[in-house]
Amino acid sequence: MTPSSSGDRVAVELAEMRGEIRTGFAELNGRLDLALERTAATESDIDALQNRVAALERDRWPLPAIAAVTGVAGAATGMVALFR
């Protein structure tokens, strides 16, 4: 082996390693892009669900108030029946 052939072989190996590294980084970038897209989609789904829950909480029936009105109406009906 002459020094020039050994140097050429090292250069070829380095070029192959550079290619493999670039390919690996490209694959990682693709995976990261996919993960970012999924994260963005998940965040938008969570925001939509939070908005729906907030709307349901605003529009729910005021059950304690209805119970109080029903109790007062029952008491009034009882009082009317008692005094007749």
N, C-alpha and C. Protein backbone atom coordinates (compact mmCIF):
# COMPACT_ATOMS: atom_id res chain seq x y z
N MET A 1 0.82 -1.18 0.00
CA MET A 1 0.00 0.00 0.00
C MET A 1 0.87 1.24 0.00
N THR A 2 0.52 2.11 -0.85
CA THR A 2 1.25 3.37 -0.91
C THR A 2 0.46 4.41 -0.12
N PRO A 3 1.12 5.43 0.33
CA PRO A 3 0.42 6.45 1.11
C PRO A 3 -0.72 7.10 0.34
N SER A 4 -0.58 7.25 -0.95
CA SER A 4 -1.64 7.91 -1.71
C SER A 4 -2.90 7.04 -1.77
N SER A 5 -2.75 5.74 -1.90
CA SER A 5 -3.93 4.87 -1.96
C SER A 5 -4.61 4.81 -0.59
N SER A 6 -3.83 4.86 0.48
CA SER A 6 -4.41 4.87 1.82
C SER A 6 -5.16 6.18 2.05
N GLY A 7 -4.60 7.27 1.59
CA GLY A 7 -5.26 8.58 1.72
C GLY A 7 -6.54 8.62 0.90
N ASP A 8 -6.50 7.99 -0.28
CA ASP A 8 -7.71 7.96 -1.12
C ASP A 8 -8.81 7.15 -0.44
N ARG A 9 -8.41 6.06 0.18
CA ARG A 9 -9.39 5.21 0.85
C ARG A 9 -10.02 5.95 2.03
N VAL A 10 -9.21 6.70 2.75
CA VAL A 10 -9.73 7.48 3.87
C VAL A 10 -10.70 8.55 3.35
N ALA A 11 -10.34 9.16 2.25
CA ALA A 11 -11.21 10.19 1.68
C ALA A 11 -12.55 9.59 1.23
N VAL A 12 -12.49 8.41 0.65
CA VAL A 12 -13.72 7.74 0.22
C VAL A 12 -14.58 7.38 1.43
N GLU A 13 -13.94 6.86 2.47
CA GLU A 13 -14.68 6.51 3.69
C GLU A 13 -15.31 7.75 4.31
N LEU A 14 -14.56 8.85 4.34
CA LEU A 14 -15.11 10.09 4.89
C LEU A 14 -16.30 10.58 4.07
N ALA A 15 -16.20 10.47 2.76
CA ALA A 15 -17.30 10.88 1.90
C ALA A 15 -18.54 10.01 2.15
N GLU A 16 -18.33 8.72 2.34
CA GLU A 16 -19.45 7.83 2.63
C GLU A 16 -20.07 8.16 3.98
N MET A 17 -19.22 8.45 4.96
CA MET A 17 -19.73 8.81 6.28
C MET A 17 -20.53 10.11 6.21
N ARG A 18 -20.04 11.08 5.45
CA ARG A 18 -20.78 12.34 5.29
C ARG A 18 -22.15 12.08 4.68
N GLY A 19 -22.18 11.21 3.69
CA GLY A 19 -23.46 10.88 3.05
C GLY A 19 -24.41 10.21 4.02
N GLU A 20 -23.90 9.29 4.81
CA GLU A 20 -24.74 8.61 5.80
C GLU A 20 -25.24 9.58 6.87
N ILE A 21 -24.36 10.47 7.27
CA ILE A 21 -24.77 11.47 8.28
C ILE A 21 -25.84 12.38 7.71
N ARG A 22 -25.67 12.83 6.48
CA ARG A 22 -26.69 13.69 5.85
C ARG A 22 -28.02 12.95 5.72
N THR A 23 -27.96 11.70 5.34
CA THR A 23 -29.18 10.91 5.23
C THR A 23 -29.85 10.75 6.59
N GLY A 24 -29.04 10.50 7.60
CA GLY A 24 -29.59 10.37 8.96
C GLY A 24 -30.24 11.66 9.43
N PHE A 25 -29.58 12.79 9.18
CA PHE A 25 -30.17 14.08 9.56
C PHE A 25 -31.45 14.36 8.79
N ALA A 26 -31.49 14.00 7.53
CA ALA A 26 -32.70 14.21 6.74
C ALA A 26 -33.85 13.37 7.30
N GLU A 27 -33.56 12.14 7.68
CA GLU A 27 -34.60 11.29 8.28
C GLU A 27 -35.07 11.86 9.62
N LEU A 28 -34.14 12.35 10.43
CA LEU A 28 -34.50 12.95 11.71
C LEU A 28 -35.33 14.21 11.50
N ASN A 29 -34.97 15.03 10.53
CA ASN A 29 -35.74 16.23 10.24
C ASN A 29 -37.16 15.88 9.81
N GLY A 30 -37.29 14.83 9.02
CA GLY A 30 -38.63 14.39 8.61
C GLY A 30 -39.45 13.92 9.78
N ARG A 31 -38.83 13.18 10.68
CA ARG A 31 -39.55 12.71 11.88
C ARG A 31 -39.93 13.87 12.78
N LEU A 32 -39.03 14.83 12.93
CA LEU A 32 -39.33 16.00 13.75
C LEU A 32 -40.46 16.82 13.15
N ASP A 33 -40.45 16.98 11.83
CA ASP A 33 -41.54 17.71 11.18
C ASP A 33 -42.88 17.01 11.42
N LEU A 34 -42.88 15.70 11.31
CA LEU A 34 -44.11 14.94 11.56
C LEU A 34 -44.56 15.09 13.01
N ALA A 35 -43.62 15.03 13.93
CA ALA A 35 -43.96 15.20 15.35
C ALA A 35 -44.51 16.60 15.62
N LEU A 36 -43.93 17.61 14.99
CA LEU A 36 -44.43 18.97 15.16
C LEU A 36 -45.83 19.13 14.59
N GLU A 37 -46.10 18.52 13.46
CA GLU A 37 -47.45 18.58 12.87
C GLU A 37 -48.46 17.91 13.80
N ARG A 38 -48.09 16.75 14.34
CA ARG A 38 -49.00 16.05 15.24
C ARG A 38 -49.23 16.86 16.51
N THR A 39 -48.18 17.51 17.01
CA THR A 39 -48.31 18.34 18.21
C THR A 39 -49.24 19.52 17.94
N ALA A 40 -49.09 20.15 16.79
CA ALA A 40 -49.95 21.27 16.44
C ALA A 40 -51.40 20.82 16.30
N ALA A 41 -51.61 19.66 15.69
CA ALA A 41 -52.97 19.14 15.56
C ALA A 41 -53.56 18.81 16.92
N THR A 42 -52.76 18.25 17.80
CA THR A 42 -53.23 17.91 19.14
C THR A 42 -53.56 19.18 19.92
N GLU A 43 -52.73 20.21 19.79
CA GLU A 43 -53.00 21.47 20.48
C GLU A 43 -54.29 22.10 19.98
N SER A 44 -54.54 22.04 18.68
CA SER A 44 -55.78 22.61 18.16
C SER A 44 -56.99 21.80 18.62
N ASP A 45 -56.84 20.48 18.71
CA ASP A 45 -57.93 19.65 19.25
C ASP A 45 -58.21 19.99 20.70
N ILE A 46 -57.16 20.19 21.48
CA ILE A 46 -57.32 20.53 22.89
C ILE A 46 -58.00 21.89 23.03
N ASP A 47 -57.60 22.86 22.21
CA ASP A 47 -58.24 24.18 22.25
C ASP A 47 -59.72 24.08 21.91
N ALA A 48 -60.05 23.28 20.90
CA ALA A 48 -61.46 23.11 20.53
C ALA A 48 -62.24 22.47 21.66
N LEU A 49 -61.67 21.47 22.30
CA LEU A 49 -62.36 20.82 23.42
C LEU A 49 -62.52 21.77 24.61
N GLN A 50 -61.51 22.59 24.87
CA GLN A 50 -61.63 23.57 25.95
C GLN A 50 -62.74 24.57 25.66
N ASN A 51 -62.86 24.98 24.41
CA ASN A 51 -63.93 25.90 24.04
C ASN A 51 -65.30 25.24 24.21
N ARG A 52 -65.41 23.98 23.84
CA ARG A 52 -66.68 23.27 23.99
C ARG A 52 -67.06 23.12 25.46
N VAL A 53 -66.08 22.79 26.29
CA VAL A 53 -66.35 22.64 27.73
C VAL A 53 -66.76 23.97 28.33
N ALA A 54 -66.09 25.04 27.94
CA ALA A 54 -66.44 26.37 28.45
C ALA A 54 -67.86 26.74 28.03
N ALA A 55 -68.24 26.43 26.79
CA ALA A 55 -69.60 26.72 26.32
C ALA A 55 -70.62 25.90 27.10
N LEU A 56 -70.32 24.65 27.36
CA LEU A 56 -71.24 23.81 28.14
C LEU A 56 -71.38 24.32 29.57
N GLU A 57 -70.29 24.77 30.14
CA GLU A 57 -70.36 25.30 31.50
C GLU A 57 -71.18 26.59 31.55
N ARG A 58 -71.07 27.43 30.54
CA ARG A 58 -71.86 28.66 30.50
C ARG A 58 -73.34 28.39 30.30
N ASP A 59 -73.66 27.39 29.48
CA ASP A 59 -75.05 27.14 29.10
C ASP A 59 -75.76 26.11 29.96
N ARG A 60 -75.11 25.60 30.96
CA ARG A 60 -75.77 24.56 31.76
C ARG A 60 -76.89 25.16 32.59
N TRP A 61 -77.81 24.34 32.97
CA TRP A 61 -78.93 24.80 33.77
C TRP A 61 -78.44 25.17 35.16
N PRO A 62 -78.99 26.26 35.69
CA PRO A 62 -78.61 26.63 37.06
C PRO A 62 -79.41 25.78 38.05
N LEU A 63 -78.96 24.58 38.28
CA LEU A 63 -79.70 23.62 39.10
C LEU A 63 -80.00 24.10 40.52
N PRO A 64 -79.09 24.71 41.22
CA PRO A 64 -79.43 25.18 42.57
C PRO A 64 -80.56 26.22 42.56
N ALA A 65 -80.57 27.10 41.59
CA ALA A 65 -81.63 28.11 41.50
C ALA A 65 -82.97 27.45 41.20
N ILE A 66 -82.97 26.47 40.31
CA ILE A 66 -84.22 25.76 39.99
C ILE A 66 -84.72 25.01 41.22
N ALA A 67 -83.84 24.41 41.97
CA ALA A 67 -84.23 23.70 43.19
C ALA A 67 -84.83 24.67 44.21
N ALA A 68 -84.25 25.85 44.34
CA ALA A 68 -84.78 26.84 45.29
C ALA A 68 -86.16 27.31 44.86
N VAL A 69 -86.36 27.59 43.57
CA VAL A 69 -87.66 28.04 43.07
C VAL A 69 -88.70 26.94 43.26
N THR A 70 -88.31 25.69 43.00
CA THR A 70 -89.24 24.58 43.19
C THR A 70 -89.62 24.43 44.66
N GLY A 71 -88.67 24.61 45.54
CA GLY A 71 -88.95 24.53 46.98
C GLY A 71 -89.88 25.63 47.43
N VAL A 72 -89.67 26.84 46.95
CA VAL A 72 -90.54 27.96 47.31
C VAL A 72 -91.93 27.73 46.76
N ALA A 73 -92.03 27.24 45.52
CA ALA A 73 -93.35 26.97 44.92
C ALA A 73 -94.06 25.88 45.70
N GLY A 74 -93.36 24.85 46.11
CA GLY A 74 -93.96 23.78 46.90
C GLY A 74 -94.44 24.30 48.25
N ALA A 75 -93.64 25.15 48.87
CA ALA A 75 -94.04 25.73 50.16
C ALA A 75 -95.25 26.62 50.00
N ALA A 76 -95.28 27.39 48.92
CA ALA A 76 -96.43 28.26 48.69
C ALA A 76 -97.68 27.44 48.43
N THR A 77 -97.56 26.37 47.66
CA THR A 77 -98.71 25.49 47.39
C THR A 77 -99.19 24.87 48.69
N GLY A 78 -98.28 24.47 49.53
CA GLY A 78 -98.65 23.90 50.83
C GLY A 78 -99.36 24.91 51.72
N MET A 79 -98.89 26.14 51.70
CA MET A 79 -99.53 27.17 52.51
C MET A 79 -100.93 27.48 52.01
N VAL A 80 -101.10 27.53 50.68
CA VAL A 80 -102.44 27.78 50.12
C VAL A 80 -103.38 26.64 50.48
N ALA A 81 -102.91 25.41 50.38
CA ALA A 81 -103.75 24.27 50.71
C ALA A 81 -104.08 24.24 52.20
N LEU A 82 -103.18 24.72 53.03
CA LEU A 82 -103.38 24.71 54.48
C LEU A 82 -104.44 25.74 54.90
N PHE A 83 -104.43 26.89 54.26
CA PHE A 83 -105.36 27.94 54.64
C PHE A 83 -106.69 27.88 53.91
N ARG A 84 -106.96 26.97 53.07
CA ARG A 84 -108.25 26.85 52.39
C ARG A 84 -109.17 25.99 53.13
